[in-house]
Amino acid sequence: MMPKARAVKLLAGLGISLTGQVDFSAEMPPGGGAGVSTAALVALARLAGWQGDPLALARTCVAVEGASDPLMLPAPMQLLWASRRAEVLETLSPPPLMEVIGGFYGPPRRTDPGDTDFPDIADLIPLWRAACAAGDLAAVAELASRSAQRRLAQTKAQSDPTLSLAADLGALGHVIAHTGAARGLIFAPGAVPARARAALQAAGLRGVVQFLAGGRV
């Protein structure tokens, strides 16, 4: 999951060291868009005793991999985050509590730090800000769907089943990883249909998981 050279570069960049052999395993695949790569780097740093500035750790992760999720920061779900710069652009209200069921569709796709060809979602940010501040789950889910559809349209993923699954199961909205294979459906807590897992698996999604997200922390 983590080449030795990458681990050595991370520890050297943080000015710490670790002896012995470390093995990582993950319940989600690298290249899935679920933050596995960043999580492994953060775990290694903490295992080696890192207790410094989380943003310094984020910047070191970017130096190692070219991009980073904000997993080392408190309440990452509230951050408008520049992943190639390790920079918090804005701290927003948390999205309302929701239940998500999803998995991975298609081949793994690791983040290419040189790839900047993503759809512009700047127009969605003020709407997201307002929806989160109001605790409006329906609006949050609709905005997530709009962002996902822009990405799917850009990648020309004509066979992607996410939108049809959302309609069939009555989801409030859907999400996709903008790099990676992760897909998810958004529901109000407790509203995921009993047949949802089987439906996702039948549509070709792997590693199906169901979890709560959002809410006040």
N, C-alpha and C. Protein backbone atom coordinates (compact mmCIF):
# COMPACT_ATOMS: atom_id res chain seq x y z
N MET A 1 0.81 -1.20 0.00
CA MET A 1 0.00 0.00 0.00
C MET A 1 0.85 1.26 0.00
N MET A 2 2.00 1.21 0.69
CA MET A 2 2.88 2.37 0.76
C MET A 2 4.31 1.94 0.43
N PRO A 3 4.86 2.37 -0.69
CA PRO A 3 6.25 2.04 -1.00
C PRO A 3 7.19 2.57 0.09
N LYS A 4 8.27 1.84 0.32
CA LYS A 4 9.22 2.24 1.35
C LYS A 4 9.75 3.64 1.12
N ALA A 5 10.05 3.98 -0.13
CA ALA A 5 10.60 5.31 -0.43
C ALA A 5 9.64 6.42 -0.01
N ARG A 6 8.35 6.16 -0.17
CA ARG A 6 7.35 7.17 0.22
C ARG A 6 7.33 7.34 1.74
N ALA A 7 7.42 6.22 2.45
CA ALA A 7 7.44 6.29 3.91
C ALA A 7 8.67 7.02 4.42
N VAL A 8 9.81 6.71 3.82
CA VAL A 8 11.06 7.37 4.22
C VAL A 8 10.98 8.87 3.97
N LYS A 9 10.43 9.26 2.83
CA LYS A 9 10.32 10.68 2.50
C LYS A 9 9.40 11.40 3.46
N LEU A 10 8.30 10.76 3.84
CA LEU A 10 7.39 11.39 4.80
C LEU A 10 8.06 11.62 6.14
N LEU A 11 8.69 10.59 6.67
CA LEU A 11 9.32 10.71 7.99
C LEU A 11 10.45 11.72 7.96
N ALA A 12 11.24 11.71 6.89
CA ALA A 12 12.33 12.68 6.78
C ALA A 12 11.79 14.10 6.70
N GLY A 13 10.71 14.28 5.97
CA GLY A 13 10.12 15.61 5.84
C GLY A 13 9.58 16.14 7.16
N LEU A 14 9.16 15.24 8.03
CA LEU A 14 8.65 15.63 9.34
C LEU A 14 9.74 15.70 10.40
N GLY A 15 10.94 15.23 10.04
CA GLY A 15 12.04 15.24 11.01
C GLY A 15 11.89 14.21 12.10
N ILE A 16 11.25 13.08 11.80
CA ILE A 16 11.08 12.00 12.77
C ILE A 16 11.55 10.70 12.14
N SER A 17 11.64 9.66 12.95
CA SER A 17 12.11 8.38 12.44
C SER A 17 11.34 7.25 13.11
N LEU A 18 11.44 6.09 12.51
CA LEU A 18 10.76 4.90 13.02
C LEU A 18 11.56 3.69 12.60
N THR A 19 11.82 2.80 13.52
CA THR A 19 12.57 1.59 13.20
C THR A 19 11.62 0.40 13.12
N GLY A 20 12.11 -0.66 12.49
CA GLY A 20 11.31 -1.87 12.36
C GLY A 20 10.51 -1.89 11.07
N GLN A 21 9.63 -2.86 10.98
CA GLN A 21 8.80 -3.03 9.78
C GLN A 21 7.35 -2.71 10.11
N VAL A 22 6.72 -1.96 9.26
CA VAL A 22 5.31 -1.59 9.44
C VAL A 22 4.52 -2.08 8.24
N ASP A 23 3.45 -2.79 8.51
CA ASP A 23 2.56 -3.27 7.45
C ASP A 23 1.19 -2.64 7.63
N PHE A 24 0.60 -2.17 6.54
CA PHE A 24 -0.72 -1.58 6.57
C PHE A 24 -1.69 -2.44 5.77
N SER A 25 -2.91 -2.49 6.24
CA SER A 25 -3.99 -3.08 5.45
C SER A 25 -5.18 -2.13 5.53
N ALA A 26 -6.04 -2.18 4.53
CA ALA A 26 -7.18 -1.26 4.49
C ALA A 26 -8.42 -2.02 4.06
N GLU A 27 -9.56 -1.56 4.55
CA GLU A 27 -10.83 -2.17 4.16
C GLU A 27 -11.33 -1.62 2.83
N MET A 28 -10.70 -0.55 2.35
CA MET A 28 -11.08 0.04 1.07
C MET A 28 -9.85 0.07 0.17
N PRO A 29 -10.04 -0.03 -1.14
CA PRO A 29 -8.90 -0.17 -2.05
C PRO A 29 -8.18 1.14 -2.30
N PRO A 30 -6.84 1.10 -2.40
CA PRO A 30 -6.12 2.27 -2.90
C PRO A 30 -6.62 2.63 -4.30
N GLY A 31 -6.71 3.92 -4.57
CA GLY A 31 -7.23 4.34 -5.86
C GLY A 31 -8.74 4.36 -5.93
N GLY A 32 -9.37 4.12 -4.77
CA GLY A 32 -10.82 4.12 -4.75
C GLY A 32 -11.42 5.50 -4.56
N GLY A 33 -10.61 6.44 -4.10
CA GLY A 33 -11.13 7.77 -3.83
C GLY A 33 -11.67 7.92 -2.43
N ALA A 34 -11.27 7.01 -1.53
CA ALA A 34 -11.77 7.04 -0.15
C ALA A 34 -10.73 7.53 0.84
N GLY A 35 -9.61 8.05 0.36
CA GLY A 35 -8.62 8.62 1.26
C GLY A 35 -7.64 7.63 1.86
N VAL A 36 -7.55 6.43 1.29
CA VAL A 36 -6.70 5.39 1.86
C VAL A 36 -5.23 5.82 1.88
N SER A 37 -4.76 6.41 0.80
CA SER A 37 -3.35 6.79 0.71
C SER A 37 -2.99 7.83 1.78
N THR A 38 -3.82 8.87 1.91
CA THR A 38 -3.56 9.87 2.94
C THR A 38 -3.67 9.26 4.33
N ALA A 39 -4.66 8.41 4.55
CA ALA A 39 -4.84 7.78 5.86
C ALA A 39 -3.61 6.98 6.26
N ALA A 40 -3.00 6.28 5.30
CA ALA A 40 -1.80 5.50 5.60
C ALA A 40 -0.63 6.41 6.00
N LEU A 41 -0.47 7.53 5.30
CA LEU A 41 0.60 8.47 5.66
C LEU A 41 0.37 9.06 7.05
N VAL A 42 -0.85 9.43 7.35
CA VAL A 42 -1.17 10.00 8.67
C VAL A 42 -0.93 8.95 9.76
N ALA A 43 -1.34 7.72 9.50
CA ALA A 43 -1.13 6.65 10.48
C ALA A 43 0.35 6.42 10.73
N LEU A 44 1.15 6.44 9.67
CA LEU A 44 2.59 6.25 9.83
C LEU A 44 3.20 7.38 10.66
N ALA A 45 2.81 8.61 10.36
CA ALA A 45 3.35 9.75 11.11
C ALA A 45 2.99 9.66 12.59
N ARG A 46 1.77 9.29 12.88
CA ARG A 46 1.35 9.20 14.28
C ARG A 46 2.01 8.01 14.97
N LEU A 47 2.19 6.93 14.25
CA LEU A 47 2.89 5.78 14.82
C LEU A 47 4.32 6.15 15.19
N ALA A 48 4.92 7.03 14.40
CA ALA A 48 6.29 7.48 14.67
C ALA A 48 6.35 8.59 15.71
N GLY A 49 5.20 8.98 16.25
CA GLY A 49 5.18 9.95 17.34
C GLY A 49 4.91 11.38 16.94
N TRP A 50 4.49 11.62 15.69
CA TRP A 50 4.23 13.00 15.26
C TRP A 50 3.08 13.61 16.05
N GLN A 51 3.33 14.78 16.66
CA GLN A 51 2.30 15.50 17.40
C GLN A 51 2.30 16.99 17.03
N GLY A 52 2.83 17.30 15.88
CA GLY A 52 2.98 18.70 15.47
C GLY A 52 1.74 19.25 14.79
N ASP A 53 1.93 20.36 14.11
CA ASP A 53 0.87 21.08 13.42
C ASP A 53 0.25 20.19 12.33
N PRO A 54 -1.06 19.96 12.37
CA PRO A 54 -1.68 19.13 11.33
C PRO A 54 -1.47 19.67 9.92
N LEU A 55 -1.43 20.99 9.77
CA LEU A 55 -1.20 21.54 8.43
C LEU A 55 0.22 21.26 7.95
N ALA A 56 1.17 21.22 8.89
CA ALA A 56 2.53 20.85 8.51
C ALA A 56 2.56 19.41 8.01
N LEU A 57 1.80 18.55 8.66
CA LEU A 57 1.70 17.16 8.20
C LEU A 57 1.04 17.11 6.82
N ALA A 58 -0.01 17.90 6.63
CA ALA A 58 -0.68 17.94 5.32
C ALA A 58 0.27 18.39 4.22
N ARG A 59 1.06 19.42 4.51
CA ARG A 59 2.01 19.92 3.50
C ARG A 59 3.06 18.86 3.18
N THR A 60 3.47 18.10 4.19
CA THR A 60 4.44 17.04 3.95
C THR A 60 3.82 15.92 3.12
N CYS A 61 2.56 15.60 3.38
CA CYS A 61 1.87 14.61 2.56
C CYS A 61 1.81 15.05 1.11
N VAL A 62 1.56 16.33 0.87
CA VAL A 62 1.55 16.86 -0.49
C VAL A 62 2.93 16.75 -1.12
N ALA A 63 3.97 17.04 -0.33
CA ALA A 63 5.33 16.93 -0.85
C ALA A 63 5.66 15.49 -1.24
N VAL A 64 5.06 14.54 -0.53
CA VAL A 64 5.32 13.12 -0.81
C VAL A 64 4.51 12.62 -1.99
N GLU A 65 3.21 12.99 -2.04
CA GLU A 65 2.31 12.40 -3.03
C GLU A 65 1.76 13.37 -4.06
N GLY A 66 1.92 14.67 -3.80
CA GLY A 66 1.39 15.65 -4.73
C GLY A 66 0.00 16.13 -4.43
N ALA A 67 -0.69 15.45 -3.49
CA ALA A 67 -2.04 15.83 -3.09
C ALA A 67 -2.33 15.19 -1.75
N SER A 68 -3.31 15.72 -1.04
CA SER A 68 -3.65 15.16 0.27
C SER A 68 -5.10 15.45 0.61
N ASP A 69 -5.76 14.49 1.22
CA ASP A 69 -7.04 14.74 1.86
C ASP A 69 -6.78 15.38 3.23
N PRO A 70 -7.75 16.10 3.81
CA PRO A 70 -7.52 16.79 5.09
C PRO A 70 -7.81 15.91 6.30
N LEU A 71 -7.44 14.63 6.23
CA LEU A 71 -7.82 13.69 7.28
C LEU A 71 -7.09 13.93 8.59
N MET A 72 -5.98 14.66 8.55
CA MET A 72 -5.23 14.93 9.77
C MET A 72 -5.79 16.12 10.55
N LEU A 73 -6.77 16.79 9.98
CA LEU A 73 -7.35 17.98 10.60
C LEU A 73 -8.66 17.62 11.31
N PRO A 74 -9.01 18.36 12.36
CA PRO A 74 -10.30 18.12 13.01
C PRO A 74 -11.44 18.52 12.08
N ALA A 75 -12.52 17.74 12.12
CA ALA A 75 -13.73 18.02 11.33
C ALA A 75 -13.43 18.28 9.86
N PRO A 76 -12.77 17.36 9.16
CA PRO A 76 -12.44 17.58 7.75
C PRO A 76 -13.67 17.77 6.87
N MET A 77 -14.82 17.25 7.30
CA MET A 77 -16.02 17.39 6.46
C MET A 77 -16.48 18.84 6.36
N GLN A 78 -15.97 19.71 7.24
CA GLN A 78 -16.38 21.12 7.21
C GLN A 78 -15.46 21.99 6.36
N LEU A 79 -14.43 21.40 5.78
CA LEU A 79 -13.40 22.20 5.13
C LEU A 79 -13.59 22.29 3.62
N LEU A 80 -13.47 23.50 3.11
CA LEU A 80 -13.26 23.72 1.69
C LEU A 80 -11.76 23.68 1.50
N TRP A 81 -11.27 22.63 0.86
CA TRP A 81 -9.87 22.22 0.95
C TRP A 81 -9.20 22.23 -0.42
N ALA A 82 -8.02 22.83 -0.50
CA ALA A 82 -7.21 22.79 -1.71
C ALA A 82 -6.23 21.63 -1.58
N SER A 83 -6.54 20.51 -2.22
CA SER A 83 -5.80 19.28 -1.98
C SER A 83 -4.38 19.29 -2.52
N ARG A 84 -4.11 20.10 -3.54
CA ARG A 84 -2.76 20.17 -4.10
C ARG A 84 -1.88 21.17 -3.35
N ARG A 85 -2.49 22.01 -2.51
CA ARG A 85 -1.74 23.03 -1.78
C ARG A 85 -1.77 22.82 -0.27
N ALA A 86 -2.54 21.84 0.20
CA ALA A 86 -2.72 21.62 1.64
C ALA A 86 -3.14 22.91 2.34
N GLU A 87 -4.20 23.50 1.81
CA GLU A 87 -4.63 24.81 2.31
C GLU A 87 -6.14 24.79 2.59
N VAL A 88 -6.50 25.27 3.78
CA VAL A 88 -7.92 25.42 4.12
C VAL A 88 -8.41 26.74 3.52
N LEU A 89 -9.31 26.67 2.57
CA LEU A 89 -9.85 27.86 1.94
C LEU A 89 -10.97 28.48 2.77
N GLU A 90 -11.72 27.61 3.43
CA GLU A 90 -12.84 28.09 4.25
C GLU A 90 -13.29 26.97 5.17
N THR A 91 -13.70 27.33 6.39
CA THR A 91 -14.34 26.38 7.29
C THR A 91 -15.84 26.65 7.28
N LEU A 92 -16.60 25.65 6.90
CA LEU A 92 -18.04 25.79 6.71
C LEU A 92 -18.80 25.13 7.85
N SER A 93 -20.09 25.39 7.92
CA SER A 93 -20.94 24.63 8.83
C SER A 93 -20.93 23.17 8.39
N PRO A 94 -21.05 22.24 9.34
CA PRO A 94 -21.07 20.83 8.93
C PRO A 94 -22.33 20.51 8.14
N PRO A 95 -22.24 19.60 7.20
CA PRO A 95 -23.46 19.16 6.52
C PRO A 95 -24.37 18.44 7.51
N PRO A 96 -25.66 18.42 7.27
CA PRO A 96 -26.57 17.75 8.20
C PRO A 96 -26.34 16.25 8.22
N LEU A 97 -26.79 15.61 9.29
CA LEU A 97 -26.63 14.17 9.43
C LEU A 97 -27.34 13.45 8.29
N MET A 98 -26.65 12.49 7.73
CA MET A 98 -27.18 11.71 6.60
C MET A 98 -26.70 10.28 6.72
N GLU A 99 -27.33 9.41 5.98
CA GLU A 99 -26.87 8.02 5.89
C GLU A 99 -26.49 7.75 4.44
N VAL A 100 -25.33 7.16 4.28
CA VAL A 100 -24.78 6.92 2.94
C VAL A 100 -24.56 5.42 2.76
N ILE A 101 -24.93 4.91 1.62
CA ILE A 101 -24.55 3.55 1.24
C ILE A 101 -23.87 3.65 -0.12
N GLY A 102 -22.74 2.98 -0.25
CA GLY A 102 -22.00 3.09 -1.49
C GLY A 102 -20.95 2.01 -1.61
N GLY A 103 -20.17 2.11 -2.67
CA GLY A 103 -19.11 1.15 -2.92
C GLY A 103 -18.22 1.68 -4.03
N PHE A 104 -17.61 0.78 -4.76
CA PHE A 104 -16.62 1.14 -5.77
C PHE A 104 -17.05 0.56 -7.11
N TYR A 105 -17.02 1.42 -8.13
CA TYR A 105 -17.45 1.01 -9.46
C TYR A 105 -16.34 1.31 -10.46
N GLY A 106 -16.01 0.32 -11.25
CA GLY A 106 -14.95 0.51 -12.23
C GLY A 106 -13.57 0.30 -11.62
N PRO A 107 -12.53 0.48 -12.42
CA PRO A 107 -11.17 0.21 -11.95
C PRO A 107 -10.69 1.28 -10.98
N PRO A 108 -9.74 0.92 -10.10
CA PRO A 108 -9.13 1.94 -9.24
C PRO A 108 -8.49 3.04 -10.08
N ARG A 109 -8.49 4.24 -9.55
CA ARG A 109 -7.90 5.37 -10.27
C ARG A 109 -7.18 6.25 -9.27
N ARG A 110 -5.89 6.04 -9.13
CA ARG A 110 -5.10 6.82 -8.18
C ARG A 110 -5.04 8.28 -8.61
N THR A 111 -4.95 9.15 -7.62
CA THR A 111 -4.88 10.58 -7.90
C THR A 111 -3.59 10.92 -8.64
N ASP A 112 -3.74 11.60 -9.75
CA ASP A 112 -2.59 12.13 -10.50
C ASP A 112 -2.46 13.60 -10.13
N PRO A 113 -1.42 13.97 -9.35
CA PRO A 113 -1.31 15.37 -8.91
C PRO A 113 -1.14 16.35 -10.04
N GLY A 114 -0.74 15.87 -11.20
CA GLY A 114 -0.60 16.77 -12.34
C GLY A 114 -1.89 16.98 -13.11
N ASP A 115 -2.93 16.23 -12.76
CA ASP A 115 -4.21 16.33 -13.46
C ASP A 115 -5.05 17.42 -12.81
N THR A 116 -5.31 18.48 -13.54
CA THR A 116 -6.14 19.57 -13.04
C THR A 116 -7.42 19.72 -13.86
N ASP A 117 -7.72 18.71 -14.64
CA ASP A 117 -8.89 18.78 -15.53
C ASP A 117 -10.13 18.30 -14.79
N PHE A 118 -10.70 19.18 -14.00
CA PHE A 118 -11.90 18.87 -13.23
C PHE A 118 -12.98 19.90 -13.54
N PRO A 119 -14.24 19.54 -13.41
CA PRO A 119 -15.30 20.51 -13.67
C PRO A 119 -15.30 21.62 -12.63
N ASP A 120 -15.64 22.80 -13.07
CA ASP A 120 -15.72 23.96 -12.18
C ASP A 120 -16.99 23.86 -11.33
N ILE A 121 -16.83 23.89 -10.02
CA ILE A 121 -17.99 23.85 -9.13
C ILE A 121 -18.05 25.09 -8.25
N ALA A 122 -17.35 26.15 -8.66
CA ALA A 122 -17.32 27.37 -7.85
C ALA A 122 -18.72 27.93 -7.62
N ASP A 123 -19.60 27.75 -8.61
CA ASP A 123 -20.96 28.28 -8.46
C ASP A 123 -21.77 27.53 -7.41
N LEU A 124 -21.34 26.31 -7.06
CA LEU A 124 -22.06 25.51 -6.06
C LEU A 124 -21.66 25.87 -4.63
N ILE A 125 -20.51 26.51 -4.46
CA ILE A 125 -20.00 26.74 -3.11
C ILE A 125 -20.92 27.62 -2.28
N PRO A 126 -21.39 28.78 -2.77
CA PRO A 126 -22.30 29.57 -1.93
C PRO A 126 -23.60 28.84 -1.62
N LEU A 127 -24.07 28.02 -2.56
CA LEU A 127 -25.28 27.23 -2.32
C LEU A 127 -25.03 26.17 -1.26
N TRP A 128 -23.86 25.54 -1.31
CA TRP A 128 -23.48 24.54 -0.31
C TRP A 128 -23.34 25.21 1.06
N ARG A 129 -22.72 26.35 1.09
CA ARG A 129 -22.55 27.09 2.34
C ARG A 129 -23.90 27.36 2.99
N ALA A 130 -24.85 27.82 2.20
CA ALA A 130 -26.17 28.14 2.72
C ALA A 130 -26.93 26.88 3.15
N ALA A 131 -26.83 25.82 2.35
CA ALA A 131 -27.55 24.58 2.67
C ALA A 131 -27.03 23.96 3.97
N CYS A 132 -25.72 23.97 4.16
CA CYS A 132 -25.15 23.43 5.39
C CYS A 132 -25.53 24.28 6.59
N ALA A 133 -25.48 25.58 6.43
CA ALA A 133 -25.84 26.48 7.54
C ALA A 133 -27.30 26.28 7.94
N ALA A 134 -28.15 25.97 6.97
CA ALA A 134 -29.57 25.77 7.24
C ALA A 134 -29.89 24.34 7.67
N GLY A 135 -28.92 23.44 7.58
CA GLY A 135 -29.18 22.04 7.89
C GLY A 135 -30.15 21.39 6.92
N ASP A 136 -30.12 21.82 5.66
CA ASP A 136 -31.07 21.37 4.64
C ASP A 136 -30.48 20.16 3.90
N LEU A 137 -30.83 18.97 4.35
CA LEU A 137 -30.24 17.76 3.77
C LEU A 137 -30.64 17.59 2.30
N ALA A 138 -31.88 17.89 1.97
CA ALA A 138 -32.31 17.74 0.58
C ALA A 138 -31.49 18.63 -0.35
N ALA A 139 -31.21 19.87 0.08
CA ALA A 139 -30.41 20.77 -0.74
C ALA A 139 -28.97 20.30 -0.84
N VAL A 140 -28.41 19.83 0.28
CA VAL A 140 -27.04 19.31 0.28
C VAL A 140 -26.93 18.12 -0.68
N ALA A 141 -27.88 17.21 -0.62
CA ALA A 141 -27.85 16.03 -1.48
C ALA A 141 -27.99 16.42 -2.95
N GLU A 142 -28.83 17.41 -3.24
CA GLU A 142 -29.01 17.86 -4.62
C GLU A 142 -27.74 18.49 -5.16
N LEU A 143 -27.05 19.27 -4.32
CA LEU A 143 -25.80 19.89 -4.76
C LEU A 143 -24.71 18.85 -4.97
N ALA A 144 -24.65 17.85 -4.08
CA ALA A 144 -23.69 16.76 -4.27
C ALA A 144 -23.95 16.05 -5.59
N SER A 145 -25.22 15.86 -5.92
CA SER A 145 -25.57 15.20 -7.18
C SER A 145 -25.14 16.04 -8.38
N ARG A 146 -25.33 17.33 -8.30
CA ARG A 146 -24.92 18.20 -9.41
C ARG A 146 -23.41 18.13 -9.63
N SER A 147 -22.66 18.14 -8.54
CA SER A 147 -21.21 18.03 -8.66
C SER A 147 -20.82 16.69 -9.27
N ALA A 148 -21.46 15.62 -8.78
CA ALA A 148 -21.17 14.28 -9.30
C ALA A 148 -21.48 14.18 -10.79
N GLN A 149 -22.61 14.72 -11.20
CA GLN A 149 -23.00 14.63 -12.61
C GLN A 149 -22.05 15.41 -13.51
N ARG A 150 -21.54 16.52 -13.02
CA ARG A 150 -20.56 17.26 -13.82
C ARG A 150 -19.31 16.43 -14.04
N ARG A 151 -18.88 15.73 -12.99
CA ARG A 151 -17.69 14.89 -13.13
C ARG A 151 -17.95 13.71 -14.06
N LEU A 152 -19.10 13.07 -13.90
CA LEU A 152 -19.42 11.94 -14.77
C LEU A 152 -19.54 12.38 -16.23
N ALA A 153 -20.13 13.54 -16.46
CA ALA A 153 -20.25 14.05 -17.83
C ALA A 153 -18.88 14.33 -18.42
N GLN A 154 -17.98 14.83 -17.60
CA GLN A 154 -16.64 15.14 -18.09
C GLN A 154 -15.87 13.88 -18.45
N THR A 155 -16.03 12.83 -17.64
CA THR A 155 -15.30 11.59 -17.89
C THR A 155 -16.01 10.70 -18.92
N LYS A 156 -17.20 11.14 -19.35
CA LYS A 156 -17.97 10.39 -20.35
C LYS A 156 -18.26 8.96 -19.90
N ALA A 157 -18.57 8.83 -18.61
CA ALA A 157 -18.86 7.51 -18.04
C ALA A 157 -20.32 7.14 -18.29
N GLN A 158 -20.62 6.76 -19.52
CA GLN A 158 -22.01 6.55 -19.93
C GLN A 158 -22.66 5.36 -19.23
N SER A 159 -21.88 4.39 -18.82
CA SER A 159 -22.45 3.19 -18.22
C SER A 159 -22.53 3.27 -16.70
N ASP A 160 -22.15 4.40 -16.11
CA ASP A 160 -22.14 4.49 -14.65
C ASP A 160 -23.57 4.36 -14.11
N PRO A 161 -23.79 3.46 -13.13
CA PRO A 161 -25.16 3.19 -12.67
C PRO A 161 -25.62 4.08 -11.52
N THR A 162 -24.78 5.02 -11.07
CA THR A 162 -25.08 5.74 -9.83
C THR A 162 -26.39 6.51 -9.91
N LEU A 163 -26.60 7.25 -10.99
CA LEU A 163 -27.81 8.06 -11.10
C LEU A 163 -29.06 7.19 -11.13
N SER A 164 -29.02 6.10 -11.89
CA SER A 164 -30.21 5.24 -11.97
C SER A 164 -30.46 4.53 -10.65
N LEU A 165 -29.40 4.17 -9.93
CA LEU A 165 -29.57 3.57 -8.61
C LEU A 165 -30.23 4.55 -7.65
N ALA A 166 -29.79 5.81 -7.70
CA ALA A 166 -30.38 6.82 -6.82
C ALA A 166 -31.87 6.97 -7.09
N ALA A 167 -32.25 6.99 -8.36
CA ALA A 167 -33.66 7.12 -8.71
C ALA A 167 -34.45 5.89 -8.29
N ASP A 168 -33.90 4.71 -8.54
CA ASP A 168 -34.60 3.46 -8.24
C ASP A 168 -34.82 3.28 -6.75
N LEU A 169 -33.85 3.70 -5.94
CA LEU A 169 -33.91 3.47 -4.49
C LEU A 169 -34.48 4.66 -3.73
N GLY A 170 -34.80 5.73 -4.44
CA GLY A 170 -35.38 6.89 -3.78
C GLY A 170 -34.41 7.70 -2.96
N ALA A 171 -33.15 7.72 -3.37
CA ALA A 171 -32.14 8.48 -2.63
C ALA A 171 -32.38 9.98 -2.80
N LEU A 172 -31.95 10.73 -1.80
CA LEU A 172 -32.02 12.19 -1.89
C LEU A 172 -30.99 12.73 -2.88
N GLY A 173 -29.90 12.01 -3.06
CA GLY A 173 -28.84 12.45 -3.95
C GLY A 173 -27.76 11.40 -4.03
N HIS A 174 -26.69 11.73 -4.73
CA HIS A 174 -25.59 10.78 -4.88
C HIS A 174 -24.27 11.53 -4.93
N VAL A 175 -23.19 10.79 -4.68
CA VAL A 175 -21.84 11.35 -4.67
C VAL A 175 -20.92 10.42 -5.44
N ILE A 176 -19.85 10.99 -5.98
CA ILE A 176 -18.78 10.18 -6.55
C ILE A 176 -17.45 10.79 -6.13
N ALA A 177 -16.42 9.96 -6.13
CA ALA A 177 -15.07 10.47 -5.95
C ALA A 177 -14.64 11.14 -7.25
N HIS A 178 -14.11 12.35 -7.16
CA HIS A 178 -13.66 13.02 -8.38
C HIS A 178 -12.36 12.43 -8.90
N THR A 179 -11.60 11.76 -8.03
CA THR A 179 -10.55 10.85 -8.47
C THR A 179 -10.78 9.54 -7.72
N GLY A 180 -10.94 8.47 -8.44
CA GLY A 180 -11.20 7.20 -7.77
C GLY A 180 -12.51 6.59 -8.22
N ALA A 181 -12.82 5.43 -7.64
CA ALA A 181 -13.96 4.64 -8.06
C ALA A 181 -15.13 4.71 -7.09
N ALA A 182 -15.04 5.47 -6.02
CA ALA A 182 -16.08 5.49 -5.00
C ALA A 182 -17.36 6.13 -5.52
N ARG A 183 -18.48 5.53 -5.15
CA ARG A 183 -19.82 6.01 -5.47
C ARG A 183 -20.67 5.87 -4.22
N GLY A 184 -21.62 6.78 -4.01
CA GLY A 184 -22.47 6.67 -2.84
C GLY A 184 -23.84 7.28 -3.07
N LEU A 185 -24.83 6.80 -2.33
CA LEU A 185 -26.18 7.33 -2.35
C LEU A 185 -26.49 7.95 -1.00
N ILE A 186 -27.16 9.09 -1.01
CA ILE A 186 -27.44 9.86 0.20
C ILE A 186 -28.91 9.68 0.59
N PHE A 187 -29.12 9.33 1.86
CA PHE A 187 -30.47 9.18 2.40
C PHE A 187 -30.57 9.92 3.73
N ALA A 188 -31.79 10.20 4.15
CA ALA A 188 -32.00 10.63 5.52
C ALA A 188 -31.65 9.47 6.45
N PRO A 189 -31.18 9.75 7.67
CA PRO A 189 -30.84 8.65 8.58
C PRO A 189 -32.01 7.69 8.76
N GLY A 190 -31.70 6.40 8.63
CA GLY A 190 -32.72 5.37 8.80
C GLY A 190 -33.58 5.11 7.59
N ALA A 191 -33.32 5.80 6.48
CA ALA A 191 -34.19 5.69 5.30
C ALA A 191 -33.61 4.83 4.18
N VAL A 192 -32.47 4.19 4.40
CA VAL A 192 -31.89 3.34 3.35
C VAL A 192 -32.76 2.10 3.18
N PRO A 193 -33.25 1.83 1.97
CA PRO A 193 -34.10 0.65 1.78
C PRO A 193 -33.35 -0.65 2.07
N ALA A 194 -34.08 -1.64 2.53
CA ALA A 194 -33.46 -2.92 2.87
C ALA A 194 -32.82 -3.57 1.65
N ARG A 195 -33.33 -3.27 0.47
CA ARG A 195 -32.80 -3.91 -0.74
C ARG A 195 -31.64 -3.15 -1.37
N ALA A 196 -31.20 -2.06 -0.72
CA ALA A 196 -30.20 -1.20 -1.34
C ALA A 196 -28.87 -1.92 -1.56
N ARG A 197 -28.40 -2.65 -0.56
CA ARG A 197 -27.11 -3.33 -0.70
C ARG A 197 -27.12 -4.29 -1.89
N ALA A 198 -28.17 -5.09 -1.97
CA ALA A 198 -28.26 -6.05 -3.08
C ALA A 198 -28.35 -5.33 -4.42
N ALA A 199 -29.05 -4.20 -4.45
CA ALA A 199 -29.18 -3.45 -5.70
C ALA A 199 -27.84 -2.89 -6.16
N LEU A 200 -27.06 -2.36 -5.22
CA LEU A 200 -25.74 -1.83 -5.57
C LEU A 200 -24.82 -2.95 -6.07
N GLN A 201 -24.86 -4.08 -5.38
CA GLN A 201 -24.01 -5.19 -5.80
C GLN A 201 -24.42 -5.71 -7.17
N ALA A 202 -25.72 -5.77 -7.43
CA ALA A 202 -26.19 -6.24 -8.74
C ALA A 202 -25.79 -5.29 -9.86
N ALA A 203 -25.62 -4.00 -9.53
CA ALA A 203 -25.22 -3.01 -10.52
C ALA A 203 -23.71 -2.98 -10.75
N GLY A 204 -22.98 -3.79 -9.98
CA GLY A 204 -21.54 -3.89 -10.20
C GLY A 204 -20.68 -3.17 -9.19
N LEU A 205 -21.26 -2.61 -8.13
CA LEU A 205 -20.45 -1.95 -7.10
C LEU A 205 -19.84 -2.98 -6.17
N ARG A 206 -18.58 -2.77 -5.82
CA ARG A 206 -17.84 -3.67 -4.95
C ARG A 206 -17.64 -3.02 -3.58
N GLY A 207 -17.39 -3.85 -2.57
CA GLY A 207 -17.05 -3.33 -1.25
C GLY A 207 -18.12 -2.42 -0.68
N VAL A 208 -19.37 -2.80 -0.78
CA VAL A 208 -20.46 -1.93 -0.35
C VAL A 208 -20.42 -1.69 1.15
N VAL A 209 -20.51 -0.44 1.54
CA VAL A 209 -20.51 -0.04 2.96
C VAL A 209 -21.68 0.91 3.20
N GLN A 210 -22.11 0.97 4.45
CA GLN A 210 -23.21 1.85 4.84
C GLN A 210 -22.82 2.56 6.13
N PHE A 211 -22.99 3.87 6.19
CA PHE A 211 -22.51 4.62 7.34
C PHE A 211 -23.25 5.95 7.48
N LEU A 212 -23.17 6.52 8.69
CA LEU A 212 -23.68 7.86 8.95
C LEU A 212 -22.57 8.87 8.70
N ALA A 213 -22.94 10.04 8.21
CA ALA A 213 -21.98 11.11 7.97
C ALA A 213 -22.65 12.44 8.28
N GLY A 214 -21.83 13.47 8.46
CA GLY A 214 -22.36 14.79 8.72
C GLY A 214 -22.79 14.94 10.17
N GLY A 215 -23.53 15.99 10.45
CA GLY A 215 -23.99 16.25 11.79
C GLY A 215 -23.01 17.08 12.58
N ARG A 216 -23.47 17.62 13.68
CA ARG A 216 -22.63 18.45 14.53
C ARG A 216 -21.63 17.58 15.26
N VAL A 217 -20.39 18.06 15.39
CA VAL A 217 -19.35 17.32 16.10
C VAL A 217 -18.93 18.09 17.33
